[in-house]
Amino acid sequence: MKALVMEEARRAVVKEVPYPAPGPGELTIRVMACGICGTDLHIYQGTFLPAYPLIPGHEFAGVVHEVGEGVVRFRPGDRVAVDPSLFCGKCDYCLSGRGNHCVKWQATGDTVNGAMAEFVRVPEETAFAMPEGMTFAEGAFIEPIACVVHGMNQLELKVGQSVLLFGAGSMGQLLIQALSHAGAGELAVVDVAQGKLDMALRNGATHAYFSSEIETALDGRRRHNGFDAVIDVTGIPSVIESQFQYLAPKGTHLQFGVAPRDAVIGIRPFDIYHNDWKLVGSMAVNHTFKPAMDWIAAGRFDTAPLVSKVIRLEDVPAFFEAGKAAELMKVQISFE
């Protein structure tokens, strides 16, 4: 079969690799759609610290091609989406609802071979039957939305609270839709691109600001009454550091964007104490795949406008080499 293989940092090639036959309790899935995530770019750049060689791809949906011994929930031809999370299920974190911090954490497409290939092998328990009418492109959005569901659970937003969100790319747009449905009152969004700000307003934002104008536009909020929640989706340390000036007393800062592993920001401990601030993170997926799928099936998300480009597997090496253009939202690989 053909697969995109990261042979080493900044070297990605499409080549023939062995077909991944299913073992006991496993499925082999014919991939139909696979999203490209920022993590995939980090793997390509060598900053995610993967074990090369690796076939990436953790946002995907497809059709069951073959089932291994003991599989009872699926048969060939079933349409499925897959939670890439591979939790051991036995450590203290797994047994206390913190599977995303499993001491043996792995993930399909991040640490073991994933879905940038014609076929991928996964454990039966990570596959979910797609609802009638859900497209494969929508199925490939379930994993990103599962990250959003976990982020929303971490945020614990109260109805009517004000929110300031930095970063209106595809993940930011999904968060904007989720926040709007979850009852945010004022929802202000900051980005560098007009097109992304326009989309944010269509998706439920009440205000949109260029990053270059934010200090002037929100000067009063910065000096007097800030936002109940501030969310970072940029992962840029200097931007993150600037966000706390807009956080109201008793406010919550959600770190959703992935910053460089060794990045450091400055914040005064007195400000955290004096303002009763809550600082929370949101790491990947934590038993939130099924709720995300149900959220999409209920029509709560409009994902089609977020797909800026659909490419073939053969186009992926050039895409990685060029880097993702700032104006792009989600890029998906189609195998249909």
Protein backbone atom coordinates (compact mmCIF):
# COMPACT_ATOMS: atom_id res chain seq x y z
CA MET A 1 0.00 0.00 0.00
CA LYS A 2 1.02 3.63 -0.38
CA ALA A 3 1.80 5.70 2.71
CA LEU A 4 3.36 9.02 3.65
CA VAL A 5 6.40 8.15 5.76
CA MET A 6 8.30 10.63 7.92
CA GLU A 7 11.74 9.04 7.60
CA GLU A 8 13.44 11.71 9.68
CA ALA A 9 12.96 15.37 10.52
CA ARG A 10 12.08 17.34 7.38
CA ARG A 11 12.09 14.24 5.18
CA ALA A 12 8.67 12.94 4.13
CA VAL A 13 8.19 10.52 1.24
CA VAL A 14 5.27 8.62 -0.29
CA LYS A 15 6.24 5.00 -0.84
CA GLU A 16 5.04 1.42 -0.75
CA VAL A 17 4.91 -0.13 2.73
CA PRO A 18 3.51 -3.44 4.02
CA TYR A 19 -0.25 -3.75 4.44
CA PRO A 20 -1.15 -3.58 8.19
CA ALA A 21 -3.07 -6.82 8.71
CA PRO A 22 -5.21 -6.79 11.87
CA GLY A 23 -4.24 -8.81 14.91
CA PRO A 24 -6.65 -10.09 17.57
CA GLY A 25 -9.07 -7.34 18.60
CA GLU A 26 -7.94 -5.04 15.81
CA LEU A 27 -9.42 -3.50 12.65
CA THR A 28 -7.72 -2.56 9.42
CA ILE A 29 -9.43 0.51 8.00
CA ARG A 30 -9.35 1.80 4.45
CA VAL A 31 -8.76 5.52 4.99
CA MET A 32 -11.15 7.86 3.16
CA ALA A 33 -10.29 11.26 4.68
CA CYS A 34 -7.48 12.46 6.93
CA GLY A 35 -6.97 15.96 8.30
CA ILE A 36 -3.56 17.58 8.63
CA CYS A 37 -2.97 18.94 12.13
CA GLY A 38 -0.39 21.30 13.56
CA THR A 39 1.06 18.28 15.36
CA ASP A 40 1.77 16.68 11.98
CA LEU A 41 3.79 19.76 11.04
CA HIS A 42 5.66 19.51 14.35
CA ILE A 43 6.44 15.85 13.61
CA TYR A 44 7.76 16.87 10.19
CA GLN A 45 9.87 19.64 11.74
CA GLY A 46 11.22 17.32 14.41
CA THR A 47 9.85 19.30 17.36
CA PHE A 48 7.28 16.70 18.49
CA LEU A 49 10.10 14.25 19.29
CA PRO A 50 8.61 11.26 17.48
CA ALA A 51 10.36 7.96 16.83
CA TYR A 52 11.15 7.89 13.12
CA PRO A 53 10.17 6.40 10.75
CA LEU A 54 6.49 7.18 11.32
CA ILE A 55 3.33 7.34 9.24
CA PRO A 56 1.46 10.36 10.70
CA GLY A 57 -2.25 11.14 10.60
CA HIS A 58 -4.58 11.12 13.60
CA GLU A 59 -7.70 12.92 12.29
CA PHE A 60 -9.39 10.35 10.08
CA ALA A 61 -12.39 8.36 9.00
CA GLY A 62 -12.83 5.42 6.67
CA VAL A 63 -14.30 1.99 6.01
CA VAL A 64 -13.54 -1.23 7.87
CA HIS A 65 -11.58 -3.38 5.42
CA GLU A 66 -10.71 -6.38 7.58
CA VAL A 67 -11.30 -7.47 11.17
CA GLY A 68 -9.06 -9.49 13.45
CA GLU A 69 -9.91 -12.45 15.64
CA GLY A 70 -12.33 -11.64 18.45
CA VAL A 71 -13.74 -8.43 16.95
CA VAL A 72 -17.48 -8.31 17.66
CA ARG A 73 -18.62 -4.71 17.07
CA PHE A 74 -17.62 -4.24 13.43
CA ARG A 75 -17.52 -6.02 10.12
CA PRO A 76 -16.04 -5.15 6.72
CA GLY A 77 -17.88 -2.27 5.06
CA ASP A 78 -18.76 -0.41 8.25
CA ARG A 79 -18.10 3.35 8.15
CA VAL A 80 -16.04 4.47 11.14
CA ALA A 81 -14.13 7.34 12.68
CA VAL A 82 -11.30 6.63 15.11
CA ASP A 83 -10.17 8.12 18.39
CA PRO A 84 -6.37 8.08 18.06
CA SER A 85 -5.88 7.92 21.85
CA LEU A 86 -4.15 4.75 23.03
CA PHE A 87 -4.53 4.59 26.82
CA CYS A 88 -3.27 1.65 28.87
CA GLY A 89 -6.47 1.64 30.98
CA LYS A 90 -4.60 0.41 34.05
CA CYS A 91 -2.50 3.25 35.48
CA ASP A 92 -3.73 5.62 38.19
CA TYR A 93 -4.45 8.35 35.65
CA CYS A 94 -6.50 6.08 33.38
CA LEU A 95 -8.44 4.73 36.36
CA SER A 96 -9.28 8.23 37.58
CA GLY A 97 -10.59 9.73 34.33
CA ARG A 98 -7.29 11.29 33.25
CA GLY A 99 -6.46 9.00 30.34
CA ASN A 100 -4.82 11.80 28.36
CA HIS A 101 -2.08 11.70 31.02
CA CYS A 102 -1.68 7.92 30.85
CA VAL A 103 1.86 6.96 31.92
CA LYS A 104 2.09 4.84 28.74
CA TRP A 105 0.28 7.35 26.53
CA GLN A 106 0.46 6.76 22.82
CA ALA A 107 -1.63 7.85 19.86
CA THR A 108 -2.31 6.56 16.37
CA GLY A 109 -0.45 8.86 13.99
CA ASP A 110 1.63 10.47 16.74
CA THR A 111 3.63 7.61 18.22
CA VAL A 112 2.45 4.62 16.13
CA ASN A 113 1.67 4.50 12.42
CA GLY A 114 -1.39 6.51 11.46
CA ALA A 115 -3.75 7.37 8.64
CA MET A 116 -1.70 9.17 6.00
CA ALA A 117 -1.87 5.86 4.19
CA GLU A 118 -4.31 3.79 2.22
CA PHE A 119 -4.85 1.53 5.24
CA VAL A 120 -4.35 1.87 9.00
CA ARG A 121 -4.60 -0.67 11.82
CA VAL A 122 -6.35 0.32 15.08
CA PRO A 123 -7.71 -1.35 18.22
CA GLU A 124 -11.42 -2.16 17.98
CA GLU A 125 -12.24 -0.11 21.08
CA THR A 126 -10.98 3.12 19.47
CA ALA A 127 -13.35 2.92 16.49
CA PHE A 128 -16.81 4.50 16.44
CA ALA A 129 -19.57 3.79 13.93
CA MET A 130 -20.38 6.97 12.03
CA PRO A 131 -24.02 8.10 12.04
CA GLU A 132 -26.06 7.81 8.87
CA GLY A 133 -25.45 10.77 6.60
CA MET A 134 -22.17 11.88 8.17
CA THR A 135 -19.52 12.40 5.49
CA PHE A 136 -15.96 11.14 5.76
CA ALA A 137 -14.77 14.76 5.75
CA GLU A 138 -16.97 15.41 8.79
CA GLY A 139 -15.72 12.20 10.38
CA ALA A 140 -12.16 13.51 10.09
CA PHE A 141 -13.25 16.55 12.13
CA ILE A 142 -14.39 14.48 15.13
CA GLU A 143 -10.91 14.32 16.67
CA PRO A 144 -10.32 18.10 16.54
CA ILE A 145 -13.78 18.67 18.01
CA ALA A 146 -13.03 16.08 20.69
CA CYS A 147 -10.11 18.33 21.67
CA VAL A 148 -12.56 21.26 21.78
CA VAL A 149 -14.95 19.27 24.00
CA HIS A 150 -12.12 18.60 26.45
CA GLY A 151 -11.16 22.28 26.37
CA MET A 152 -14.74 23.33 27.08
CA ASN A 153 -14.91 20.88 29.99
CA GLN A 154 -11.71 22.39 31.37
CA LEU A 155 -13.00 25.95 30.95
CA GLU A 156 -16.30 25.35 32.78
CA LEU A 157 -17.91 28.36 31.09
CA LYS A 158 -20.98 29.81 32.77
CA VAL A 159 -23.88 31.06 30.64
CA GLY A 160 -23.51 34.74 29.76
CA GLN A 161 -19.83 35.05 30.63
CA SER A 162 -17.57 37.16 28.43
CA VAL A 163 -14.78 35.52 26.44
CA LEU A 164 -11.73 36.83 24.59
CA LEU A 165 -10.14 34.33 22.18
CA PHE A 166 -6.79 34.70 20.42
CA GLY A 167 -6.29 32.75 17.18
CA ALA A 168 -9.08 32.19 14.64
CA GLY A 169 -7.65 29.32 12.61
CA SER A 170 -9.58 26.09 12.20
CA MET A 171 -9.31 25.13 15.89
CA GLY A 172 -10.22 28.66 16.94
CA GLN A 173 -13.28 28.56 14.67
CA LEU A 174 -14.42 25.28 16.22
CA LEU A 175 -14.00 26.79 19.69
CA ILE A 176 -15.96 29.87 18.63
CA GLN A 177 -18.86 27.68 17.51
CA ALA A 178 -18.67 25.65 20.74
CA LEU A 179 -18.55 28.78 22.92
CA SER A 180 -21.50 30.28 21.09
CA HIS A 181 -23.58 27.12 21.59
CA ALA A 182 -22.45 26.83 25.21
CA GLY A 183 -23.84 30.23 26.16
CA ALA A 184 -21.00 32.74 25.94
CA GLY A 185 -22.20 36.32 26.18
CA GLU A 186 -19.70 38.73 24.67
CA LEU A 187 -17.29 36.74 22.49
CA ALA A 188 -14.40 38.77 21.13
CA VAL A 189 -11.84 37.25 18.75
CA VAL A 190 -8.34 38.40 17.81
CA ASP A 191 -6.37 37.37 14.71
CA VAL A 192 -4.06 38.73 12.01
CA ALA A 193 -6.22 37.81 8.98
CA GLN A 194 -9.39 39.60 7.85
CA GLY A 195 -10.88 36.45 6.35
CA LYS A 196 -10.55 34.57 9.63
CA LEU A 197 -12.10 37.44 11.58
CA ASP A 198 -15.01 37.58 9.12
CA MET A 199 -15.57 33.85 9.58
CA ALA A 200 -15.39 34.25 13.36
CA LEU A 201 -18.28 36.71 13.22
CA ARG A 202 -20.30 34.30 11.10
CA ASN A 203 -19.58 31.52 13.59
CA GLY A 204 -20.85 33.41 16.62
CA ALA A 205 -18.26 35.99 17.66
CA THR A 206 -19.70 39.35 18.71
CA HIS A 207 -16.52 41.37 18.07
CA ALA A 208 -13.43 40.84 15.93
CA TYR A 209 -10.10 42.65 16.20
CA PHE A 210 -6.79 42.66 14.37
CA SER A 211 -3.95 41.76 16.71
CA SER A 212 -2.24 45.03 15.82
CA GLU A 213 -5.20 47.05 17.14
CA ILE A 214 -6.13 45.04 20.20
CA GLU A 215 -4.40 47.20 22.82
CA THR A 216 -6.09 50.36 21.56
CA ALA A 217 -9.47 48.75 20.92
CA LEU A 218 -9.62 47.11 24.35
CA ASP A 219 -7.74 49.72 26.35
CA GLY A 220 -10.71 50.30 28.65
CA ARG A 221 -11.18 46.57 29.21
CA ARG A 222 -7.49 46.18 29.86
CA ARG A 223 -7.41 48.87 32.54
CA HIS A 224 -10.80 48.36 34.17
CA ASN A 225 -13.16 45.43 33.54
CA GLY A 226 -11.60 42.46 31.77
CA PHE A 227 -13.08 39.25 30.38
CA ASP A 228 -14.36 36.31 32.40
CA ALA A 229 -12.35 33.94 30.20
CA VAL A 230 -9.35 34.42 27.95
CA ILE A 231 -8.42 31.58 25.59
CA ASP A 232 -5.17 31.14 23.73
CA VAL A 233 -5.28 29.15 20.49
CA THR A 234 -2.03 30.57 19.06
CA GLY A 235 0.65 28.81 21.07
CA ILE A 236 2.85 31.90 20.61
CA PRO A 237 4.64 32.73 23.89
CA SER A 238 4.71 36.51 23.43
CA VAL A 239 0.99 36.54 22.60
CA ILE A 240 0.18 34.31 25.58
CA GLU A 241 2.11 36.58 27.93
CA SER A 242 0.14 39.62 26.74
CA GLN A 243 -3.25 38.01 27.36
CA PHE A 244 -3.38 38.24 31.14
CA GLN A 245 -3.88 42.01 31.06
CA TYR A 246 -7.39 41.34 29.70
CA LEU A 247 -8.38 38.75 32.31
CA ALA A 248 -10.93 39.90 34.91
CA PRO A 249 -10.73 39.04 38.62
CA LYS A 250 -12.02 35.50 39.18
CA GLY A 251 -11.34 34.91 35.50
CA THR A 252 -10.05 31.74 33.82
CA HIS A 253 -7.21 31.55 31.30
CA LEU A 254 -7.38 28.47 29.05
CA GLN A 255 -4.16 27.42 27.34
CA PHE A 256 -5.47 25.54 24.31
CA GLY A 257 -2.77 26.35 21.74
CA VAL A 258 0.39 24.24 21.74
CA ALA A 259 3.44 26.32 22.62
CA PRO A 260 7.04 25.15 22.08
CA ARG A 261 8.07 22.67 24.77
CA ASP A 262 10.86 24.89 26.12
CA ALA A 263 8.98 28.23 25.89
CA VAL A 264 8.80 30.42 29.01
CA ILE A 265 6.50 33.37 29.77
CA GLY A 266 6.52 35.89 32.60
CA ILE A 267 3.60 36.29 35.00
CA ARG A 268 3.57 37.71 38.52
CA PRO A 269 2.42 35.20 41.16
CA PHE A 270 0.90 38.12 43.09
CA ASP A 271 -1.47 38.77 40.17
CA ILE A 272 -2.68 35.18 40.25
CA TYR A 273 -3.22 35.40 44.00
CA HIS A 274 -4.71 38.89 44.08
CA ASN A 275 -7.10 38.34 41.15
CA ASP A 276 -8.27 34.84 42.09
CA TRP A 277 -7.26 33.73 38.61
CA LYS A 278 -7.61 30.16 37.43
CA LEU A 279 -5.04 28.97 34.86
CA VAL A 280 -5.99 25.74 33.08
CA GLY A 281 -4.61 23.66 30.23
CA SER A 282 -6.29 21.39 27.72
CA MET A 283 -4.23 18.50 26.38
CA ALA A 284 -5.69 16.60 23.43
CA VAL A 285 -8.61 14.20 23.86
CA ASN A 286 -9.86 12.73 27.13
CA HIS A 287 -12.77 10.32 26.56
CA THR A 288 -14.46 13.07 24.53
CA PHE A 289 -14.61 11.46 21.08
CA LYS A 290 -18.20 10.17 21.34
CA PRO A 291 -19.57 13.51 22.64
CA ALA A 292 -17.79 15.26 19.77
CA MET A 293 -19.31 12.89 17.22
CA ASP A 294 -22.77 13.44 18.73
CA TRP A 295 -22.24 17.21 18.61
CA ILE A 296 -21.45 17.07 14.89
CA ALA A 297 -24.33 14.67 14.18
CA ALA A 298 -26.72 17.10 15.88
CA GLY A 299 -25.73 19.80 13.38
CA ARG A 300 -24.04 22.03 15.95
CA PHE A 301 -20.90 22.54 13.87
CA ASP A 302 -20.45 23.84 10.34
CA THR A 303 -17.18 22.22 9.30
CA ALA A 304 -17.31 22.46 5.50
CA PRO A 305 -16.22 26.15 5.34
CA LEU A 306 -13.19 25.29 7.47
CA VAL A 307 -11.69 23.07 4.77
CA SER A 308 -9.45 25.40 2.76
CA LYS A 309 -7.91 22.73 0.58
CA VAL A 310 -8.28 19.04 -0.24
CA ILE A 311 -5.14 17.31 -1.51
CA ARG A 312 -4.03 13.82 -2.52
CA LEU A 313 -1.52 11.73 -0.60
CA GLU A 314 1.10 12.38 -3.29
CA ASP A 315 0.82 16.13 -2.63
CA VAL A 316 1.60 15.92 1.08
CA PRO A 317 5.44 16.00 0.99
CA ALA A 318 5.41 19.26 -0.98
CA PHE A 319 2.80 20.69 1.41
CA PHE A 320 4.99 19.91 4.42
CA GLU A 321 8.07 21.31 2.73
CA ALA A 322 6.33 24.57 1.83
CA GLY A 323 4.72 24.98 5.25
CA LYS A 324 1.14 25.92 5.95
CA ALA A 325 0.22 29.36 4.60
CA ALA A 326 -1.23 31.74 7.18
CA GLU A 327 -4.54 32.12 5.36
CA LEU A 328 -5.26 28.38 5.28
CA MET A 329 -7.71 26.77 7.66
CA LYS A 330 -7.96 22.96 7.63
CA VAL A 331 -6.26 20.94 4.90
CA GLN A 332 -7.54 17.40 4.39
CA ILE A 333 -6.20 14.45 2.43
CA SER A 334 -8.84 12.64 0.39
CA PHE A 335 -8.57 8.96 -0.61
CA GLU A 336 -12.01 8.83 -2.29
